[in-house]
Amino acid sequence: IIMATSVLENYHYDAQLTKYIVQFAAIFAGIQVEVGKRDNIEAHLIRVPIKNASMDRVVGHIKSENTQNKPVRLPIMSFQLVNVDQAPELRKGIGVKRRSSHMPTGGLFPDDIKVVEQRQPVPYRAVFELAIWASNQDQHYQIMEQILTLFDPILQIQLTDDIFDWTKLTSVELTDIRFDEN
């Protein structure tokens, strides 16, 4: 008898960081600013796009299609995942497991009962940095005011609808605001 083990036997990837990145961007996806109020021109709202990238010179240059004659359209927001640290204060023990029974709607007892066994995930704290790029202070203040009203002081986001997922709800906290003229 030959027994072969798969290379992927111990491999696990659930795209958790990607899910957090998408949900973080969704927090700021509906922000708009009022523009165009001049002389006889009526003001209107434009949506402020959000990008997952650091807005350094290289990214700005690529976005302008490698030409100095086409500036980056403002306002725009960019964000990036800056840091991920373990959060030992959120642990509920080491190797904690949870077992729960579940019977689907319309299922027959005892044939359709399913036992779900889960291991407590390792808690982490992720730090994101959001940059606001605006062409004037009024646009910047409009964006800031919309962001500040979202956090009181935290905002809860839902990553999944799975009833057995321990991590489906998580909190986002606004911790620091810095103004930069560059």
C-alpha atoms as a PDB file:
ATOM      1  CA  ILE A   1       0.000   0.000   0.000  1.00  0.00           C
ATOM      2  CA  ILE A   2       1.356   3.367  -1.003  1.00  0.00           C
ATOM      3  CA  MET A   3       0.104   6.338   0.961  1.00  0.00           C
ATOM      4  CA  ALA A   4       0.657   9.773  -0.456  1.00  0.00           C
ATOM      5  CA  THR A   5       0.039  13.033   1.329  1.00  0.00           C
ATOM      6  CA  SER A   6      -0.860  16.161  -0.485  1.00  0.00           C
ATOM      7  CA  VAL A   7       1.416  19.168  -0.400  1.00  0.00           C
ATOM      8  CA  LEU A   8      -1.695  21.232   0.376  1.00  0.00           C
ATOM      9  CA  GLU A   9      -2.733  19.088   3.351  1.00  0.00           C
ATOM     10  CA  ASN A  10      -1.720  21.694   5.931  1.00  0.00           C
ATOM     11  CA  TYR A  11      -2.337  24.674   3.683  1.00  0.00           C
ATOM     12  CA  HIS A  12      -5.086  27.070   4.762  1.00  0.00           C
ATOM     13  CA  TYR A  13      -6.003  30.331   3.093  1.00  0.00           C
ATOM     14  CA  ASP A  14      -9.394  31.952   3.634  1.00  0.00           C
ATOM     15  CA  ALA A  15      -8.566  35.435   2.237  1.00  0.00           C
ATOM     16  CA  GLN A  16      -9.341  36.999   5.618  1.00  0.00           C
ATOM     17  CA  LEU A  17      -7.108  40.040   5.138  1.00  0.00           C
ATOM     18  CA  THR A  18      -8.667  40.623   1.731  1.00  0.00           C
ATOM     19  CA  LYS A  19     -12.141  40.544   3.322  1.00  0.00           C
ATOM     20  CA  TYR A  20     -11.070  43.149   5.880  1.00  0.00           C
ATOM     21  CA  ILE A  21      -9.562  45.340   3.164  1.00  0.00           C
ATOM     22  CA  VAL A  22     -12.763  45.226   1.108  1.00  0.00           C
ATOM     23  CA  GLN A  23     -14.930  46.036   4.152  1.00  0.00           C
ATOM     24  CA  PHE A  24     -12.627  48.884   5.189  1.00  0.00           C
ATOM     25  CA  ALA A  25     -12.945  50.430   1.723  1.00  0.00           C
ATOM     26  CA  ALA A  26     -16.741  49.979   1.845  1.00  0.00           C
ATOM     27  CA  ILE A  27     -16.916  52.213   4.942  1.00  0.00           C
ATOM     28  CA  PHE A  28     -15.784  55.196   2.874  1.00  0.00           C
ATOM     29  CA  ALA A  29     -17.337  54.253  -0.494  1.00  0.00           C
ATOM     30  CA  GLY A  30     -20.317  56.628  -0.388  1.00  0.00           C
ATOM     31  CA  ILE A  31     -18.537  59.869   0.459  1.00  0.00           C
ATOM     32  CA  GLN A  32     -19.294  62.829  -1.821  1.00  0.00           C
ATOM     33  CA  VAL A  33     -18.267  66.477  -2.052  1.00  0.00           C
ATOM     34  CA  GLU A  34     -20.087  69.511  -3.384  1.00  0.00           C
ATOM     35  CA  VAL A  35     -18.347  71.170  -6.339  1.00  0.00           C
ATOM     36  CA  GLY A  36     -19.043  73.650  -9.114  1.00  0.00           C
ATOM     37  CA  LYS A  37     -20.652  76.500  -7.179  1.00  0.00           C
ATOM     38  CA  ARG A  38     -19.419  79.560  -9.088  1.00  0.00           C
ATOM     39  CA  ASP A  39     -21.119  82.574 -10.626  1.00  0.00           C
ATOM     40  CA  ASN A  40     -24.183  81.132 -12.381  1.00  0.00           C
ATOM     41  CA  ILE A  41     -23.114  77.492 -12.143  1.00  0.00           C
ATOM     42  CA  GLU A  42     -25.228  75.351  -9.832  1.00  0.00           C
ATOM     43  CA  ALA A  43     -23.396  73.206  -7.285  1.00  0.00           C
ATOM     44  CA  HIS A  44     -23.510  69.423  -7.669  1.00  0.00           C
ATOM     45  CA  LEU A  45     -22.150  66.402  -5.830  1.00  0.00           C
ATOM     46  CA  ILE A  46     -19.338  64.145  -7.031  1.00  0.00           C
ATOM     47  CA  ARG A  47     -18.354  60.834  -5.507  1.00  0.00           C
ATOM     48  CA  VAL A  48     -14.890  60.634  -3.934  1.00  0.00           C
ATOM     49  CA  PRO A  49     -13.165  57.459  -5.163  1.00  0.00           C
ATOM     50  CA  ILE A  50     -11.195  55.302  -2.741  1.00  0.00           C
ATOM     51  CA  LYS A  51      -8.173  53.225  -3.774  1.00  0.00           C
ATOM     52  CA  ASN A  52      -6.221  50.530  -1.944  1.00  0.00           C
ATOM     53  CA  ALA A  53      -2.723  51.909  -2.506  1.00  0.00           C
ATOM     54  CA  SER A  54      -0.221  54.279  -1.004  1.00  0.00           C
ATOM     55  CA  MET A  55      -0.348  57.552  -2.895  1.00  0.00           C
ATOM     56  CA  ASP A  56       3.352  58.057  -3.334  1.00  0.00           C
ATOM     57  CA  ARG A  57       4.948  59.577  -6.406  1.00  0.00           C
ATOM     58  CA  VAL A  58       5.143  56.289  -8.286  1.00  0.00           C
ATOM     59  CA  VAL A  59       1.433  55.491  -7.887  1.00  0.00           C
ATOM     60  CA  GLY A  60       0.506  59.084  -8.695  1.00  0.00           C
ATOM     61  CA  HIS A  61       2.692  58.926 -11.794  1.00  0.00           C
ATOM     62  CA  ILE A  62       1.113  55.660 -12.947  1.00  0.00           C
ATOM     63  CA  LYS A  63      -2.397  57.022 -12.364  1.00  0.00           C
ATOM     64  CA  SER A  64      -1.549  60.029 -14.518  1.00  0.00           C
ATOM     65  CA  GLU A  65      -0.549  57.633 -17.323  1.00  0.00           C
ATOM     66  CA  ASN A  66       3.153  58.478 -16.993  1.00  0.00           C
ATOM     67  CA  THR A  67       2.807  62.071 -18.092  1.00  0.00           C
ATOM     68  CA  GLN A  68       3.241  65.304 -16.210  1.00  0.00           C
ATOM     69  CA  ASN A  69       0.539  66.936 -18.314  1.00  0.00           C
ATOM     70  CA  LYS A  70      -2.318  64.943 -16.777  1.00  0.00           C
ATOM     71  CA  PRO A  71      -2.723  65.492 -13.026  1.00  0.00           C
ATOM     72  CA  VAL A  72      -4.433  63.072 -10.648  1.00  0.00           C
ATOM     73  CA  ARG A  73      -8.150  63.948 -10.367  1.00  0.00           C
ATOM     74  CA  LEU A  74      -8.967  65.282  -6.914  1.00  0.00           C
ATOM     75  CA  PRO A  75     -10.521  64.640  -4.468  1.00  0.00           C
ATOM     76  CA  ILE A  76      -9.490  61.039  -3.932  1.00  0.00           C
ATOM     77  CA  MET A  77      -8.910  58.829  -0.897  1.00  0.00           C
ATOM     78  CA  SER A  78      -6.294  56.108  -0.650  1.00  0.00           C
ATOM     79  CA  PHE A  79      -5.720  53.570   2.089  1.00  0.00           C
ATOM     80  CA  GLN A  80      -3.305  50.828   2.932  1.00  0.00           C
ATOM     81  CA  LEU A  81      -2.861  48.100   5.510  1.00  0.00           C
ATOM     82  CA  VAL A  82       0.016  49.390   7.628  1.00  0.00           C
ATOM     83  CA  ASN A  83       0.399  46.874  10.441  1.00  0.00           C
ATOM     84  CA  VAL A  84      -0.987  43.616  11.840  1.00  0.00           C
ATOM     85  CA  ASP A  85      -0.314  42.651  15.479  1.00  0.00           C
ATOM     86  CA  GLN A  86      -1.604  39.876  17.705  1.00  0.00           C
ATOM     87  CA  ALA A  87      -4.149  40.960  20.327  1.00  0.00           C
ATOM     88  CA  PRO A  88      -3.489  38.672  23.316  1.00  0.00           C
ATOM     89  CA  GLU A  89      -6.025  40.533  25.483  1.00  0.00           C
ATOM     90  CA  LEU A  90      -8.806  39.247  23.188  1.00  0.00           C
ATOM     91  CA  ARG A  91      -7.877  35.572  23.568  1.00  0.00           C
ATOM     92  CA  LYS A  92     -10.376  33.300  25.256  1.00  0.00           C
ATOM     93  CA  GLY A  93      -7.728  30.679  25.961  1.00  0.00           C
ATOM     94  CA  ILE A  94      -5.343  28.620  23.878  1.00  0.00           C
ATOM     95  CA  GLY A  95      -6.765  25.930  21.605  1.00  0.00           C
ATOM     96  CA  VAL A  96     -10.373  26.709  22.610  1.00  0.00           C
ATOM     97  CA  LYS A  97     -12.908  24.747  20.566  1.00  0.00           C
ATOM     98  CA  ARG A  98     -16.644  25.181  20.198  1.00  0.00           C
ATOM     99  CA  ARG A  99     -19.117  22.481  19.190  1.00  0.00           C
ATOM    100  CA  SER A 100     -22.665  23.221  18.163  1.00  0.00           C
ATOM    101  CA  SER A 101     -25.428  21.192  16.581  1.00  0.00           C
ATOM    102  CA  HIS A 102     -27.385  22.418  13.614  1.00  0.00           C
ATOM    103  CA  MET A 103     -30.349  21.030  11.728  1.00  0.00           C
ATOM    104  CA  PRO A 104     -31.237  22.661   8.411  1.00  0.00           C
ATOM    105  CA  THR A 105     -34.780  23.955   7.921  1.00  0.00           C
ATOM    106  CA  GLY A 106     -36.980  21.072   6.790  1.00  0.00           C
ATOM    107  CA  GLY A 107     -34.415  18.497   7.903  1.00  0.00           C
ATOM    108  CA  LEU A 108     -35.354  15.220   9.557  1.00  0.00           C
ATOM    109  CA  PHE A 109     -34.280  14.334  13.076  1.00  0.00           C
ATOM    110  CA  PRO A 110     -31.809  12.641  13.699  1.00  0.00           C
ATOM    111  CA  ASP A 111     -30.527  12.025  10.151  1.00  0.00           C
ATOM    112  CA  ASP A 112     -29.937  15.667   9.142  1.00  0.00           C
ATOM    113  CA  ILE A 113     -28.325  16.945  12.343  1.00  0.00           C
ATOM    114  CA  LYS A 114     -24.864  18.316  11.676  1.00  0.00           C
ATOM    115  CA  VAL A 115     -22.251  18.967  14.341  1.00  0.00           C
ATOM    116  CA  VAL A 116     -20.031  21.967  13.695  1.00  0.00           C
ATOM    117  CA  GLU A 117     -16.702  21.991  15.518  1.00  0.00           C
ATOM    118  CA  GLN A 118     -14.652  25.166  15.387  1.00  0.00           C
ATOM    119  CA  ARG A 119     -11.379  26.294  16.846  1.00  0.00           C
ATOM    120  CA  GLN A 120     -11.112  29.774  18.359  1.00  0.00           C
ATOM    121  CA  PRO A 121      -9.316  32.010  15.849  1.00  0.00           C
ATOM    122  CA  VAL A 122      -6.178  33.868  16.872  1.00  0.00           C
ATOM    123  CA  PRO A 123      -7.149  37.520  17.478  1.00  0.00           C
ATOM    124  CA  TYR A 124      -5.278  40.255  15.651  1.00  0.00           C
ATOM    125  CA  ARG A 125      -5.453  44.019  15.356  1.00  0.00           C
ATOM    126  CA  ALA A 126      -4.943  45.537  11.934  1.00  0.00           C
ATOM    127  CA  VAL A 127      -3.955  49.161  11.420  1.00  0.00           C
ATOM    128  CA  PHE A 128      -5.093  50.925   8.263  1.00  0.00           C
ATOM    129  CA  GLU A 129      -4.068  54.382   7.129  1.00  0.00           C
ATOM    130  CA  LEU A 130      -6.478  56.498   5.100  1.00  0.00           C
ATOM    131  CA  ALA A 131      -5.168  59.480   3.131  1.00  0.00           C
ATOM    132  CA  ILE A 132      -7.463  62.217   1.835  1.00  0.00           C
ATOM    133  CA  TRP A 133      -6.269  64.108  -1.217  1.00  0.00           C
ATOM    134  CA  ALA A 134      -8.265  67.259  -1.959  1.00  0.00           C
ATOM    135  CA  SER A 135      -7.666  70.301  -4.136  1.00  0.00           C
ATOM    136  CA  ASN A 136      -8.826  72.743  -1.449  1.00  0.00           C
ATOM    137  CA  GLN A 137      -9.621  72.933   2.257  1.00  0.00           C
ATOM    138  CA  ASP A 138     -13.377  73.035   1.713  1.00  0.00           C
ATOM    139  CA  GLN A 139     -13.328  69.640  -0.011  1.00  0.00           C
ATOM    140  CA  HIS A 140     -11.089  68.290   2.724  1.00  0.00           C
ATOM    141  CA  TYR A 141     -13.455  69.514   5.459  1.00  0.00           C
ATOM    142  CA  GLN A 142     -16.491  68.069   3.641  1.00  0.00           C
ATOM    143  CA  ILE A 143     -14.830  64.643   3.515  1.00  0.00           C
ATOM    144  CA  MET A 144     -13.575  64.848   7.108  1.00  0.00           C
ATOM    145  CA  GLU A 145     -16.999  65.780   8.464  1.00  0.00           C
ATOM    146  CA  GLN A 146     -18.607  62.795   6.746  1.00  0.00           C
ATOM    147  CA  ILE A 147     -15.949  60.442   8.141  1.00  0.00           C
ATOM    148  CA  LEU A 148     -16.136  61.831  11.673  1.00  0.00           C
ATOM    149  CA  THR A 149     -19.889  61.260  11.851  1.00  0.00           C
ATOM    150  CA  LEU A 150     -19.384  57.545  11.080  1.00  0.00           C
ATOM    151  CA  PHE A 151     -17.263  56.823  14.146  1.00  0.00           C
ATOM    152  CA  ASP A 152     -18.801  57.164  17.613  1.00  0.00           C
ATOM    153  CA  PRO A 153     -15.976  56.207  18.577  1.00  0.00           C
ATOM    154  CA  ILE A 154     -16.157  52.812  16.836  1.00  0.00           C
ATOM    155  CA  LEU A 155     -17.982  51.352  13.865  1.00  0.00           C
ATOM    156  CA  GLN A 156     -18.943  47.687  13.566  1.00  0.00           C
ATOM    157  CA  ILE A 157     -18.615  45.896  10.241  1.00  0.00           C
ATOM    158  CA  GLN A 158     -19.911  42.478   9.245  1.00  0.00           C
ATOM    159  CA  LEU A 159     -17.628  40.261   7.186  1.00  0.00           C
ATOM    160  CA  THR A 160     -19.977  37.362   6.516  1.00  0.00           C
ATOM    161  CA  ASP A 161     -23.510  36.051   7.036  1.00  0.00           C
ATOM    162  CA  ASP A 162     -22.309  32.647   8.273  1.00  0.00           C
ATOM    163  CA  ILE A 163     -24.062  31.946  11.590  1.00  0.00           C
ATOM    164  CA  PHE A 164     -21.133  29.835  12.820  1.00  0.00           C
ATOM    165  CA  ASP A 165     -18.373  32.361  12.063  1.00  0.00           C
ATOM    166  CA  TRP A 166     -16.864  33.746  15.284  1.00  0.00           C
ATOM    167  CA  THR A 167     -15.292  36.615  13.379  1.00  0.00           C
ATOM    168  CA  LYS A 168     -18.314  37.824  11.402  1.00  0.00           C
ATOM    169  CA  LEU A 169     -18.547  41.062  13.410  1.00  0.00           C
ATOM    170  CA  THR A 170     -15.555  43.255  14.018  1.00  0.00           C
ATOM    171  CA  SER A 171     -14.994  46.842  15.097  1.00  0.00           C
ATOM    172  CA  VAL A 172     -13.195  49.680  13.359  1.00  0.00           C
ATOM    173  CA  GLU A 173     -11.938  52.499  15.558  1.00  0.00           C
ATOM    174  CA  LEU A 174     -10.756  55.928  14.468  1.00  0.00           C
ATOM    175  CA  THR A 175      -7.602  56.486  16.524  1.00  0.00           C
ATOM    176  CA  ASP A 176      -5.650  59.345  15.001  1.00  0.00           C
ATOM    177  CA  ILE A 177      -6.152  62.308  12.690  1.00  0.00           C
ATOM    178  CA  ARG A 178      -3.206  64.166  11.173  1.00  0.00           C
ATOM    179  CA  PHE A 179      -3.265  67.073   8.767  1.00  0.00           C
ATOM    180  CA  ASP A 180      -0.565  67.192   6.131  1.00  0.00           C
ATOM    181  CA  GLU A 181      -0.153  69.937   3.555  1.00  0.00           C
ATOM    182  CA  ASN A 182       2.062  67.890   1.204  1.00  0.00           C
END
